[in-house]
Amino acid sequence: DLIHSLKPDPITNVQDSERAFDFWSNT
């Protein structure tokens, strides 16, 4: 889960800090 949140978005293939902070805000 951690690595998926830091890897590029599976649709856009662009790394997005919102995905990482979405995970971290719950961790």
mmCIF file of all heavy atoms, coordinates in Angstrom:
data_MODEL
# 
_entry.id   MODEL 
# 
loop_
_atom_site.group_PDB 
_atom_site.id 
_atom_site.type_symbol 
_atom_site.label_atom_id 
_atom_site.label_alt_id 
_atom_site.label_comp_id 
_atom_site.label_asym_id 
_atom_site.label_entity_id 
_atom_site.label_seq_id 
_atom_site.pdbx_PDB_ins_code 
_atom_site.Cartn_x 
_atom_site.Cartn_y 
_atom_site.Cartn_z 
_atom_site.occupancy 
_atom_site.B_iso_or_equiv 
_atom_site.pdbx_formal_charge 
_atom_site.auth_seq_id 
_atom_site.auth_comp_id 
_atom_site.auth_asym_id 
_atom_site.auth_atom_id 
_atom_site.pdbx_PDB_model_num 
ATOM 1   N N   . ASP A 1 1  ? 0.832  -1.211 0.000   1.00 0.00 ? 1  ASP A N   1 
ATOM 2   C CA  . ASP A 1 1  ? 0.000  0.000  0.000   1.00 0.00 ? 1  ASP A CA  1 
ATOM 3   C C   . ASP A 1 1  ? 0.862  1.254  0.000   1.00 0.00 ? 1  ASP A C   1 
ATOM 4   O O   . ASP A 1 1  ? 0.599  2.209  -0.739  1.00 0.00 ? 1  ASP A O   1 
ATOM 5   C CB  . ASP A 1 1  ? -0.925 0.005  1.218   1.00 0.00 ? 1  ASP A CB  1 
ATOM 6   C CG  . ASP A 1 1  ? -1.877 -1.182 1.234   1.00 0.00 ? 1  ASP A CG  1 
ATOM 7   O OD1 . ASP A 1 1  ? -2.683 -1.297 0.306   1.00 0.00 ? 1  ASP A OD1 1 
ATOM 8   O OD2 . ASP A 1 1  ? -1.804 -1.993 2.172   1.00 0.00 ? 1  ASP A OD2 1 
ATOM 9   N N   . LEU A 1 2  ? 1.896  1.266  0.851   1.00 0.00 ? 2  LEU A N   1 
ATOM 10  C CA  . LEU A 1 2  ? 2.806  2.411  0.906   1.00 0.00 ? 2  LEU A CA  1 
ATOM 11  C C   . LEU A 1 2  ? 3.429  2.667  -0.461  1.00 0.00 ? 2  LEU A C   1 
ATOM 12  O O   . LEU A 1 2  ? 3.404  3.802  -0.969  1.00 0.00 ? 2  LEU A O   1 
ATOM 13  C CB  . LEU A 1 2  ? 3.897  2.155  1.942   1.00 0.00 ? 2  LEU A CB  1 
ATOM 14  C CG  . LEU A 1 2  ? 5.094  3.123  1.902   1.00 0.00 ? 2  LEU A CG  1 
ATOM 15  C CD1 . LEU A 1 2  ? 4.676  4.510  2.343   1.00 0.00 ? 2  LEU A CD1 1 
ATOM 16  C CD2 . LEU A 1 2  ? 6.250  2.595  2.747   1.00 0.00 ? 2  LEU A CD2 1 
ATOM 17  N N   . ILE A 1 3  ? 3.985  1.637  -1.067  1.00 0.00 ? 3  ILE A N   1 
ATOM 18  C CA  . ILE A 1 3  ? 4.679  1.817  -2.341  1.00 0.00 ? 3  ILE A CA  1 
ATOM 19  C C   . ILE A 1 3  ? 3.700  2.207  -3.444  1.00 0.00 ? 3  ILE A C   1 
ATOM 20  O O   . ILE A 1 3  ? 4.000  3.065  -4.282  1.00 0.00 ? 3  ILE A O   1 
ATOM 21  C CB  . ILE A 1 3  ? 5.462  0.546  -2.718  1.00 0.00 ? 3  ILE A CB  1 
ATOM 22  C CG1 . ILE A 1 3  ? 6.509  0.238  -1.633  1.00 0.00 ? 3  ILE A CG1 1 
ATOM 23  C CG2 . ILE A 1 3  ? 6.130  0.709  -4.071  1.00 0.00 ? 3  ILE A CG2 1 
ATOM 24  C CD1 . ILE A 1 3  ? 7.497  1.368  -1.378  1.00 0.00 ? 3  ILE A CD1 1 
ATOM 25  N N   . HIS A 1 4  ? 2.520  1.610  -3.452  1.00 0.00 ? 4  HIS A N   1 
ATOM 26  C CA  . HIS A 1 4  ? 1.522  1.993  -4.459  1.00 0.00 ? 4  HIS A CA  1 
ATOM 27  C C   . HIS A 1 4  ? 1.170  3.479  -4.345  1.00 0.00 ? 4  HIS A C   1 
ATOM 28  O O   . HIS A 1 4  ? 0.978  4.156  -5.361  1.00 0.00 ? 4  HIS A O   1 
ATOM 29  C CB  . HIS A 1 4  ? 0.252  1.159  -4.298  1.00 0.00 ? 4  HIS A CB  1 
ATOM 30  C CG  . HIS A 1 4  ? 0.383  -0.234 -4.806  1.00 0.00 ? 4  HIS A CG  1 
ATOM 31  N ND1 . HIS A 1 4  ? -0.573 -1.206 -4.588  1.00 0.00 ? 4  HIS A ND1 1 
ATOM 32  C CD2 . HIS A 1 4  ? 1.361  -0.841 -5.526  1.00 0.00 ? 4  HIS A CD2 1 
ATOM 33  C CE1 . HIS A 1 4  ? -0.198 -2.336 -5.143  1.00 0.00 ? 4  HIS A CE1 1 
ATOM 34  N NE2 . HIS A 1 4  ? 0.980  -2.144 -5.718  1.00 0.00 ? 4  HIS A NE2 1 
ATOM 35  N N   . SER A 1 5  ? 1.088  3.990  -3.129  1.00 0.00 ? 5  SER A N   1 
ATOM 36  C CA  . SER A 1 5  ? 0.730  5.405  -2.953  1.00 0.00 ? 5  SER A CA  1 
ATOM 37  C C   . SER A 1 5  ? 1.832  6.337  -3.458  1.00 0.00 ? 5  SER A C   1 
ATOM 38  O O   . SER A 1 5  ? 1.567  7.483  -3.827  1.00 0.00 ? 5  SER A O   1 
ATOM 39  C CB  . SER A 1 5  ? 0.432  5.707  -1.478  1.00 0.00 ? 5  SER A CB  1 
ATOM 40  O OG  . SER A 1 5  ? 1.620  5.755  -0.694  1.00 0.00 ? 5  SER A OG  1 
ATOM 41  N N   . LEU A 1 6  ? 3.070  5.846  -3.476  1.00 0.00 ? 6  LEU A N   1 
ATOM 42  C CA  . LEU A 1 6  ? 4.204  6.655  -3.920  1.00 0.00 ? 6  LEU A CA  1 
ATOM 43  C C   . LEU A 1 6  ? 4.517  6.469  -5.407  1.00 0.00 ? 6  LEU A C   1 
ATOM 44  O O   . LEU A 1 6  ? 5.160  7.333  -6.016  1.00 0.00 ? 6  LEU A O   1 
ATOM 45  C CB  . LEU A 1 6  ? 5.445  6.298  -3.099  1.00 0.00 ? 6  LEU A CB  1 
ATOM 46  C CG  . LEU A 1 6  ? 5.402  6.729  -1.633  1.00 0.00 ? 6  LEU A CG  1 
ATOM 47  C CD1 . LEU A 1 6  ? 6.492  6.024  -0.831  1.00 0.00 ? 6  LEU A CD1 1 
ATOM 48  C CD2 . LEU A 1 6  ? 5.540  8.234  -1.506  1.00 0.00 ? 6  LEU A CD2 1 
ATOM 49  N N   . LYS A 1 7  ? 4.084  5.369  -5.977  1.00 0.00 ? 7  LYS A N   1 
ATOM 50  C CA  . LYS A 1 7  ? 4.292  5.120  -7.402  1.00 0.00 ? 7  LYS A CA  1 
ATOM 51  C C   . LYS A 1 7  ? 3.327  5.977  -8.233  1.00 0.00 ? 7  LYS A C   1 
ATOM 52  O O   . LYS A 1 7  ? 2.352  6.532  -7.712  1.00 0.00 ? 7  LYS A O   1 
ATOM 53  C CB  . LYS A 1 7  ? 4.055  3.639  -7.707  1.00 0.00 ? 7  LYS A CB  1 
ATOM 54  C CG  . LYS A 1 7  ? 5.143  2.691  -7.205  1.00 0.00 ? 7  LYS A CG  1 
ATOM 55  C CD  . LYS A 1 7  ? 6.375  2.754  -8.083  1.00 0.00 ? 7  LYS A CD  1 
ATOM 56  C CE  . LYS A 1 7  ? 7.360  1.644  -7.706  1.00 0.00 ? 7  LYS A CE  1 
ATOM 57  N NZ  . LYS A 1 7  ? 8.577  1.691  -8.558  1.00 0.00 ? 7  LYS A NZ  1 
ATOM 58  N N   . PRO A 1 8  ? 3.568  6.108  -9.538  1.00 0.00 ? 8  PRO A N   1 
ATOM 59  C CA  . PRO A 1 8  ? 2.648  6.876  -10.378 1.00 0.00 ? 8  PRO A CA  1 
ATOM 60  C C   . PRO A 1 8  ? 1.224  6.338  -10.340 1.00 0.00 ? 8  PRO A C   1 
ATOM 61  O O   . PRO A 1 8  ? 0.990  5.145  -10.150 1.00 0.00 ? 8  PRO A O   1 
ATOM 62  C CB  . PRO A 1 8  ? 3.259  6.732  -11.780 1.00 0.00 ? 8  PRO A CB  1 
ATOM 63  C CG  . PRO A 1 8  ? 4.715  6.525  -11.529 1.00 0.00 ? 8  PRO A CG  1 
ATOM 64  C CD  . PRO A 1 8  ? 4.773  5.702  -10.274 1.00 0.00 ? 8  PRO A CD  1 
ATOM 65  N N   . ASP A 1 9  ? 0.282  7.245  -10.523 1.00 0.00 ? 9  ASP A N   1 
ATOM 66  C CA  . ASP A 1 9  ? -1.136 6.910  -10.616 1.00 0.00 ? 9  ASP A CA  1 
ATOM 67  C C   . ASP A 1 9  ? -1.327 5.846  -11.702 1.00 0.00 ? 9  ASP A C   1 
ATOM 68  O O   . ASP A 1 9  ? -0.789 5.971  -12.803 1.00 0.00 ? 9  ASP A O   1 
ATOM 69  C CB  . ASP A 1 9  ? -1.909 8.188  -10.977 1.00 0.00 ? 9  ASP A CB  1 
ATOM 70  C CG  . ASP A 1 9  ? -3.401 7.991  -11.014 1.00 0.00 ? 9  ASP A CG  1 
ATOM 71  O OD1 . ASP A 1 9  ? -3.868 7.144  -11.809 1.00 0.00 ? 9  ASP A OD1 1 
ATOM 72  O OD2 . ASP A 1 9  ? -4.120 8.697  -10.283 1.00 0.00 ? 9  ASP A OD2 1 
ATOM 73  N N   . PRO A 1 10 ? -2.108 4.771  -11.432 1.00 0.00 ? 10 PRO A N   1 
ATOM 74  C CA  . PRO A 1 10 ? -2.255 3.706  -12.427 1.00 0.00 ? 10 PRO A CA  1 
ATOM 75  C C   . PRO A 1 10 ? -2.999 4.133  -13.688 1.00 0.00 ? 10 PRO A C   1 
ATOM 76  O O   . PRO A 1 10 ? -2.951 3.428  -14.697 1.00 0.00 ? 10 PRO A O   1 
ATOM 77  C CB  . PRO A 1 10 ? -3.031 2.617  -11.666 1.00 0.00 ? 10 PRO A CB  1 
ATOM 78  C CG  . PRO A 1 10 ? -3.741 3.339  -10.569 1.00 0.00 ? 10 PRO A CG  1 
ATOM 79  C CD  . PRO A 1 10 ? -2.835 4.468  -10.180 1.00 0.00 ? 10 PRO A CD  1 
ATOM 80  N N   . ILE A 1 11 ? -3.678 5.285  -13.645 1.00 0.00 ? 11 ILE A N   1 
ATOM 81  C CA  . ILE A 1 11 ? -4.383 5.782  -14.828 1.00 0.00 ? 11 ILE A CA  1 
ATOM 82  C C   . ILE A 1 11 ? -3.526 6.789  -15.589 1.00 0.00 ? 11 ILE A C   1 
ATOM 83  O O   . ILE A 1 11 ? -3.305 6.667  -16.795 1.00 0.00 ? 11 ILE A O   1 
ATOM 84  C CB  . ILE A 1 11 ? -5.731 6.433  -14.440 1.00 0.00 ? 11 ILE A CB  1 
ATOM 85  C CG1 . ILE A 1 11 ? -6.566 5.455  -13.614 1.00 0.00 ? 11 ILE A CG1 1 
ATOM 86  C CG2 . ILE A 1 11 ? -6.488 6.885  -15.692 1.00 0.00 ? 11 ILE A CG2 1 
ATOM 87  C CD1 . ILE A 1 11 ? -6.892 4.151  -14.303 1.00 0.00 ? 11 ILE A CD1 1 
ATOM 88  N N   . THR A 1 12 ? -3.007 7.790  -14.864 1.00 0.00 ? 12 THR A N   1 
ATOM 89  C CA  . THR A 1 12 ? -2.258 8.869  -15.519 1.00 0.00 ? 12 THR A CA  1 
ATOM 90  C C   . THR A 1 12 ? -0.785 8.549  -15.709 1.00 0.00 ? 12 THR A C   1 
ATOM 91  O O   . THR A 1 12 ? -0.109 9.185  -16.510 1.00 0.00 ? 12 THR A O   1 
ATOM 92  C CB  . THR A 1 12 ? -2.352 10.162 -14.700 1.00 0.00 ? 12 THR A CB  1 
ATOM 93  O OG1 . THR A 1 12 ? -1.666 9.980  -13.433 1.00 0.00 ? 12 THR A OG1 1 
ATOM 94  C CG2 . THR A 1 12 ? -3.809 10.536 -14.422 1.00 0.00 ? 12 THR A CG2 1 
ATOM 95  N N   . ASN A 1 13 ? -0.259 7.578  -14.956 1.00 0.00 ? 13 ASN A N   1 
ATOM 96  C CA  . ASN A 1 13 ? 1.165  7.241  -14.936 1.00 0.00 ? 13 ASN A CA  1 
ATOM 97  C C   . ASN A 1 13 ? 2.020  8.431  -14.508 1.00 0.00 ? 13 ASN A C   1 
ATOM 98  O O   . ASN A 1 13 ? 3.168  8.579  -14.934 1.00 0.00 ? 13 ASN A O   1 
ATOM 99  C CB  . ASN A 1 13 ? 1.644  6.718  -16.297 1.00 0.00 ? 13 ASN A CB  1 
ATOM 100 C CG  . ASN A 1 13 ? 2.962  5.955  -16.170 1.00 0.00 ? 13 ASN A CG  1 
ATOM 101 O OD1 . ASN A 1 13 ? 3.195  5.257  -15.184 1.00 0.00 ? 13 ASN A OD1 1 
ATOM 102 N ND2 . ASN A 1 13 ? 3.831  6.105  -17.155 1.00 0.00 ? 13 ASN A ND2 1 
ATOM 103 N N   . VAL A 1 14 ? 1.487  9.277  -13.628 1.00 0.00 ? 14 VAL A N   1 
ATOM 104 C CA  . VAL A 1 14 ? 2.197  10.436 -13.106 1.00 0.00 ? 14 VAL A CA  1 
ATOM 105 C C   . VAL A 1 14 ? 2.222  10.325 -11.581 1.00 0.00 ? 14 VAL A C   1 
ATOM 106 O O   . VAL A 1 14 ? 1.193  10.067 -10.954 1.00 0.00 ? 14 VAL A O   1 
ATOM 107 C CB  . VAL A 1 14 ? 1.513  11.755 -13.529 1.00 0.00 ? 14 VAL A CB  1 
ATOM 108 C CG1 . VAL A 1 14 ? 2.184  12.953 -12.869 1.00 0.00 ? 14 VAL A CG1 1 
ATOM 109 C CG2 . VAL A 1 14 ? 1.550  11.902 -15.043 1.00 0.00 ? 14 VAL A CG2 1 
ATOM 110 N N   . GLN A 1 15 ? 3.401  10.523 -10.997 1.00 0.00 ? 15 GLN A N   1 
ATOM 111 C CA  . GLN A 1 15 ? 3.481  10.537 -9.536  1.00 0.00 ? 15 GLN A CA  1 
ATOM 112 C C   . GLN A 1 15 ? 2.717  11.743 -9.019  1.00 0.00 ? 15 GLN A C   1 
ATOM 113 O O   . GLN A 1 15 ? 2.841  12.848 -9.542  1.00 0.00 ? 15 GLN A O   1 
ATOM 114 C CB  . GLN A 1 15 ? 4.930  10.594 -9.070  1.00 0.00 ? 15 GLN A CB  1 
ATOM 115 C CG  . GLN A 1 15 ? 5.075  10.406 -7.560  1.00 0.00 ? 15 GLN A CG  1 
ATOM 116 C CD  . GLN A 1 15 ? 6.507  10.541 -7.077  1.00 0.00 ? 15 GLN A CD  1 
ATOM 117 O OE1 . GLN A 1 15 ? 7.287  11.264 -7.672  1.00 0.00 ? 15 GLN A OE1 1 
ATOM 118 N NE2 . GLN A 1 15 ? 6.859  9.839  -6.014  1.00 0.00 ? 15 GLN A NE2 1 
ATOM 119 N N   . ASP A 1 16 ? 1.917  11.545 -7.991  1.00 0.00 ? 16 ASP A N   1 
ATOM 120 C CA  . ASP A 1 16 ? 1.037  12.593 -7.480  1.00 0.00 ? 16 ASP A CA  1 
ATOM 121 C C   . ASP A 1 16 ? 1.139  12.624 -5.962  1.00 0.00 ? 16 ASP A C   1 
ATOM 122 O O   . ASP A 1 16 ? 0.800  11.653 -5.285  1.00 0.00 ? 16 ASP A O   1 
ATOM 123 C CB  . ASP A 1 16 ? -0.406 12.290 -7.913  1.00 0.00 ? 16 ASP A CB  1 
ATOM 124 C CG  . ASP A 1 16 ? -1.375 13.426 -7.596  1.00 0.00 ? 16 ASP A CG  1 
ATOM 125 O OD1 . ASP A 1 16 ? -1.022 14.302 -6.778  1.00 0.00 ? 16 ASP A OD1 1 
ATOM 126 O OD2 . ASP A 1 16 ? -2.479 13.432 -8.162  1.00 0.00 ? 16 ASP A OD2 1 
ATOM 127 N N   . SER A 1 17 ? 1.613  13.752 -5.422  1.00 0.00 ? 17 SER A N   1 
ATOM 128 C CA  . SER A 1 17 ? 1.810  13.846 -3.972  1.00 0.00 ? 17 SER A CA  1 
ATOM 129 C C   . SER A 1 17 ? 0.497  13.682 -3.212  1.00 0.00 ? 17 SER A C   1 
ATOM 130 O O   . SER A 1 17 ? 0.505  13.287 -2.045  1.00 0.00 ? 17 SER A O   1 
ATOM 131 C CB  . SER A 1 17 ? 2.464  15.174 -3.611  1.00 0.00 ? 17 SER A CB  1 
ATOM 132 O OG  . SER A 1 17 ? 1.635  16.267 -3.969  1.00 0.00 ? 17 SER A OG  1 
ATOM 133 N N   . GLU A 1 18 ? -0.650 13.965 -3.849  1.00 0.00 ? 18 GLU A N   1 
ATOM 134 C CA  . GLU A 1 18 ? -1.924 13.797 -3.156  1.00 0.00 ? 18 GLU A CA  1 
ATOM 135 C C   . GLU A 1 18 ? -2.153 12.337 -2.781  1.00 0.00 ? 18 GLU A C   1 
ATOM 136 O O   . GLU A 1 18 ? -2.698 12.036 -1.719  1.00 0.00 ? 18 GLU A O   1 
ATOM 137 C CB  . GLU A 1 18 ? -3.082 14.293 -4.019  1.00 0.00 ? 18 GLU A CB  1 
ATOM 138 C CG  . GLU A 1 18 ? -4.419 14.223 -3.295  1.00 0.00 ? 18 GLU A CG  1 
ATOM 139 C CD  . GLU A 1 18 ? -5.568 14.789 -4.093  1.00 0.00 ? 18 GLU A CD  1 
ATOM 140 O OE1 . GLU A 1 18 ? -5.775 14.333 -5.242  1.00 0.00 ? 18 GLU A OE1 1 
ATOM 141 O OE2 . GLU A 1 18 ? -6.271 15.686 -3.573  1.00 0.00 ? 18 GLU A OE2 1 
ATOM 142 N N   . ARG A 1 19 ? -1.730 11.427 -3.637  1.00 0.00 ? 19 ARG A N   1 
ATOM 143 C CA  . ARG A 1 19 ? -1.884 10.003 -3.336  1.00 0.00 ? 19 ARG A CA  1 
ATOM 144 C C   . ARG A 1 19 ? -1.065 9.618  -2.114  1.00 0.00 ? 19 ARG A C   1 
ATOM 145 O O   . ARG A 1 19 ? -1.534 8.881  -1.246  1.00 0.00 ? 19 ARG A O   1 
ATOM 146 C CB  . ARG A 1 19 ? -1.459 9.166  -4.550  1.00 0.00 ? 19 ARG A CB  1 
ATOM 147 C CG  . ARG A 1 19 ? -2.384 9.269  -5.735  1.00 0.00 ? 19 ARG A CG  1 
ATOM 148 C CD  . ARG A 1 19 ? -1.771 8.761  -7.035  1.00 0.00 ? 19 ARG A CD  1 
ATOM 149 N NE  . ARG A 1 19 ? -0.990 7.550  -6.888  1.00 0.00 ? 19 ARG A NE  1 
ATOM 150 C CZ  . ARG A 1 19 ? -1.494 6.320  -6.844  1.00 0.00 ? 19 ARG A CZ  1 
ATOM 151 N NH1 . ARG A 1 19 ? -2.813 6.147  -6.926  1.00 0.00 ? 19 ARG A NH1 1 
ATOM 152 N NH2 . ARG A 1 19 ? -0.709 5.267  -6.723  1.00 0.00 ? 19 ARG A NH2 1 
ATOM 153 N N   . ALA A 1 20 ? 0.177  10.143 -2.037  1.00 0.00 ? 20 ALA A N   1 
ATOM 154 C CA  . ALA A 1 20 ? 1.036  9.816  -0.893  1.00 0.00 ? 20 ALA A CA  1 
ATOM 155 C C   . ALA A 1 20 ? 0.454  10.378 0.398   1.00 0.00 ? 20 ALA A C   1 
ATOM 156 O O   . ALA A 1 20 ? 0.360  9.673  1.415   1.00 0.00 ? 20 ALA A O   1 
ATOM 157 C CB  . ALA A 1 20 ? 2.439  10.368 -1.131  1.00 0.00 ? 20 ALA A CB  1 
ATOM 158 N N   . PHE A 1 21 ? 0.049  11.644 0.365   1.00 0.00 ? 21 PHE A N   1 
ATOM 159 C CA  . PHE A 1 21 ? -0.491 12.250 1.582   1.00 0.00 ? 21 PHE A CA  1 
ATOM 160 C C   . PHE A 1 21 ? -1.859 11.675 1.945   1.00 0.00 ? 21 PHE A C   1 
ATOM 161 O O   . PHE A 1 21 ? -2.240 11.671 3.124   1.00 0.00 ? 21 PHE A O   1 
ATOM 162 C CB  . PHE A 1 21 ? -0.564 13.767 1.432   1.00 0.00 ? 21 PHE A CB  1 
ATOM 163 C CG  . PHE A 1 21 ? 0.764  14.451 1.644   1.00 0.00 ? 21 PHE A CG  1 
ATOM 164 C CD1 . PHE A 1 21 ? 1.448  15.012 0.584   1.00 0.00 ? 21 PHE A CD1 1 
ATOM 165 C CD2 . PHE A 1 21 ? 1.331  14.507 2.914   1.00 0.00 ? 21 PHE A CD2 1 
ATOM 166 C CE1 . PHE A 1 21 ? 2.679  15.623 0.774   1.00 0.00 ? 21 PHE A CE1 1 
ATOM 167 C CE2 . PHE A 1 21 ? 2.559  15.116 3.115   1.00 0.00 ? 21 PHE A CE2 1 
ATOM 168 C CZ  . PHE A 1 21 ? 3.239  15.673 2.034   1.00 0.00 ? 21 PHE A CZ  1 
ATOM 169 N N   . ASP A 1 22 ? -2.587 11.195 0.974   1.00 0.00 ? 22 ASP A N   1 
ATOM 170 C CA  . ASP A 1 22 ? -3.850 10.509 1.272   1.00 0.00 ? 22 ASP A CA  1 
ATOM 171 C C   . ASP A 1 22 ? -3.577 9.276  2.132   1.00 0.00 ? 22 ASP A C   1 
ATOM 172 O O   . ASP A 1 22 ? -4.271 9.024  3.128   1.00 0.00 ? 22 ASP A O   1 
ATOM 173 C CB  . ASP A 1 22 ? -4.525 10.113 -0.039  1.00 0.00 ? 22 ASP A CB  1 
ATOM 174 C CG  . ASP A 1 22 ? -5.878 9.454  0.171   1.00 0.00 ? 22 ASP A CG  1 
ATOM 175 O OD1 . ASP A 1 22 ? -6.596 9.841  1.120   1.00 0.00 ? 22 ASP A OD1 1 
ATOM 176 O OD2 . ASP A 1 22 ? -6.222 8.546  -0.608  1.00 0.00 ? 22 ASP A OD2 1 
ATOM 177 N N   . PHE A 1 23 ? -2.551 8.513  1.763   1.00 0.00 ? 23 PHE A N   1 
ATOM 178 C CA  . PHE A 1 23 ? -2.177 7.341  2.556   1.00 0.00 ? 23 PHE A CA  1 
ATOM 179 C C   . PHE A 1 23 ? -1.623 7.758  3.917   1.00 0.00 ? 23 PHE A C   1 
ATOM 180 O O   . PHE A 1 23 ? -2.018 7.243  4.964   1.00 0.00 ? 23 PHE A O   1 
ATOM 181 C CB  . PHE A 1 23 ? -1.146 6.505  1.787   1.00 0.00 ? 23 PHE A CB  1 
ATOM 182 C CG  . PHE A 1 23 ? -0.616 5.324  2.547   1.00 0.00 ? 23 PHE A CG  1 
ATOM 183 C CD1 . PHE A 1 23 ? -1.354 4.154  2.648   1.00 0.00 ? 23 PHE A CD1 1 
ATOM 184 C CD2 . PHE A 1 23 ? 0.623  5.375  3.177   1.00 0.00 ? 23 PHE A CD2 1 
ATOM 185 C CE1 . PHE A 1 23 ? -0.868 3.055  3.358   1.00 0.00 ? 23 PHE A CE1 1 
ATOM 186 C CE2 . PHE A 1 23 ? 1.116  4.295  3.885   1.00 0.00 ? 23 PHE A CE2 1 
ATOM 187 C CZ  . PHE A 1 23 ? 0.363  3.126  3.974   1.00 0.00 ? 23 PHE A CZ  1 
ATOM 188 N N   . TRP A 1 24 ? -0.690 8.703  3.924   1.00 0.00 ? 24 TRP A N   1 
ATOM 189 C CA  . TRP A 1 24 ? -0.041 9.111  5.173   1.00 0.00 ? 24 TRP A CA  1 
ATOM 190 C C   . TRP A 1 24 ? -1.010 9.763  6.153   1.00 0.00 ? 24 TRP A C   1 
ATOM 191 O O   . TRP A 1 24 ? -0.840 9.636  7.369   1.00 0.00 ? 24 TRP A O   1 
ATOM 192 C CB  . TRP A 1 24 ? 1.106  10.085 4.870   1.00 0.00 ? 24 TRP A CB  1 
ATOM 193 C CG  . TRP A 1 24 ? 2.274  9.440  4.203   1.00 0.00 ? 24 TRP A CG  1 
ATOM 194 C CD1 . TRP A 1 24 ? 2.672  8.133  4.310   1.00 0.00 ? 24 TRP A CD1 1 
ATOM 195 C CD2 . TRP A 1 24 ? 3.201  10.060 3.305   1.00 0.00 ? 24 TRP A CD2 1 
ATOM 196 N NE1 . TRP A 1 24 ? 3.788  7.908  3.534   1.00 0.00 ? 24 TRP A NE1 1 
ATOM 197 C CE2 . TRP A 1 24 ? 4.143  9.063  2.925   1.00 0.00 ? 24 TRP A CE2 1 
ATOM 198 C CE3 . TRP A 1 24 ? 3.344  11.354 2.800   1.00 0.00 ? 24 TRP A CE3 1 
ATOM 199 C CZ2 . TRP A 1 24 ? 5.198  9.347  2.043   1.00 0.00 ? 24 TRP A CZ2 1 
ATOM 200 C CZ3 . TRP A 1 24 ? 4.388  11.628 1.938   1.00 0.00 ? 24 TRP A CZ3 1 
ATOM 201 C CH2 . TRP A 1 24 ? 5.301  10.638 1.565   1.00 0.00 ? 24 TRP A CH2 1 
ATOM 202 N N   . SER A 1 25 ? -2.016 10.465 5.646   1.00 0.00 ? 25 SER A N   1 
ATOM 203 C CA  . SER A 1 25 ? -2.964 11.124 6.550   1.00 0.00 ? 25 SER A CA  1 
ATOM 204 C C   . SER A 1 25 ? -3.757 10.111 7.356   1.00 0.00 ? 25 SER A C   1 
ATOM 205 O O   . SER A 1 25 ? -4.358 10.457 8.377   1.00 0.00 ? 25 SER A O   1 
ATOM 206 C CB  . SER A 1 25 ? -3.916 12.028 5.753   1.00 0.00 ? 25 SER A CB  1 
ATOM 207 O OG  . SER A 1 25 ? -4.781 11.269 4.921   1.00 0.00 ? 25 SER A OG  1 
ATOM 208 N N   . ASN A 1 26 ? -3.759 8.867  6.903   1.00 0.00 ? 26 ASN A N   1 
ATOM 209 C CA  . ASN A 1 26 ? -4.417 7.777  7.628   1.00 0.00 ? 26 ASN A CA  1 
ATOM 210 C C   . ASN A 1 26 ? -3.418 6.820  8.269   1.00 0.00 ? 26 ASN A C   1 
ATOM 211 O O   . ASN A 1 26 ? -3.791 5.745  8.732   1.00 0.00 ? 26 ASN A O   1 
ATOM 212 C CB  . ASN A 1 26 ? -5.319 6.997  6.662   1.00 0.00 ? 26 ASN A CB  1 
ATOM 213 C CG  . ASN A 1 26 ? -6.452 7.841  6.115   1.00 0.00 ? 26 ASN A CG  1 
ATOM 214 O OD1 . ASN A 1 26 ? -7.348 8.241  6.853   1.00 0.00 ? 26 ASN A OD1 1 
ATOM 215 N ND2 . ASN A 1 26 ? -6.400 8.143  4.830   1.00 0.00 ? 26 ASN A ND2 1 
ATOM 216 N N   . THR A 1 27 ? -2.133 7.230  8.305   1.00 0.00 ? 27 THR A N   1 
ATOM 217 C CA  . THR A 1 27 ? -1.065 6.372  8.811   1.00 0.00 ? 27 THR A CA  1 
ATOM 218 C C   . THR A 1 27 ? -0.165 7.194  9.725   1.00 0.00 ? 27 THR A C   1 
ATOM 219 O O   . THR A 1 27 ? 0.951  7.581  9.343   1.00 0.00 ? 27 THR A O   1 
ATOM 220 C CB  . THR A 1 27 ? -0.261 5.770  7.641   1.00 0.00 ? 27 THR A CB  1 
ATOM 221 O OG1 . THR A 1 27 ? -1.154 5.234  6.659   1.00 0.00 ? 27 THR A OG1 1 
ATOM 222 C CG2 . THR A 1 27 ? 0.675  4.665  8.122   1.00 0.00 ? 27 THR A CG2 1 
# 
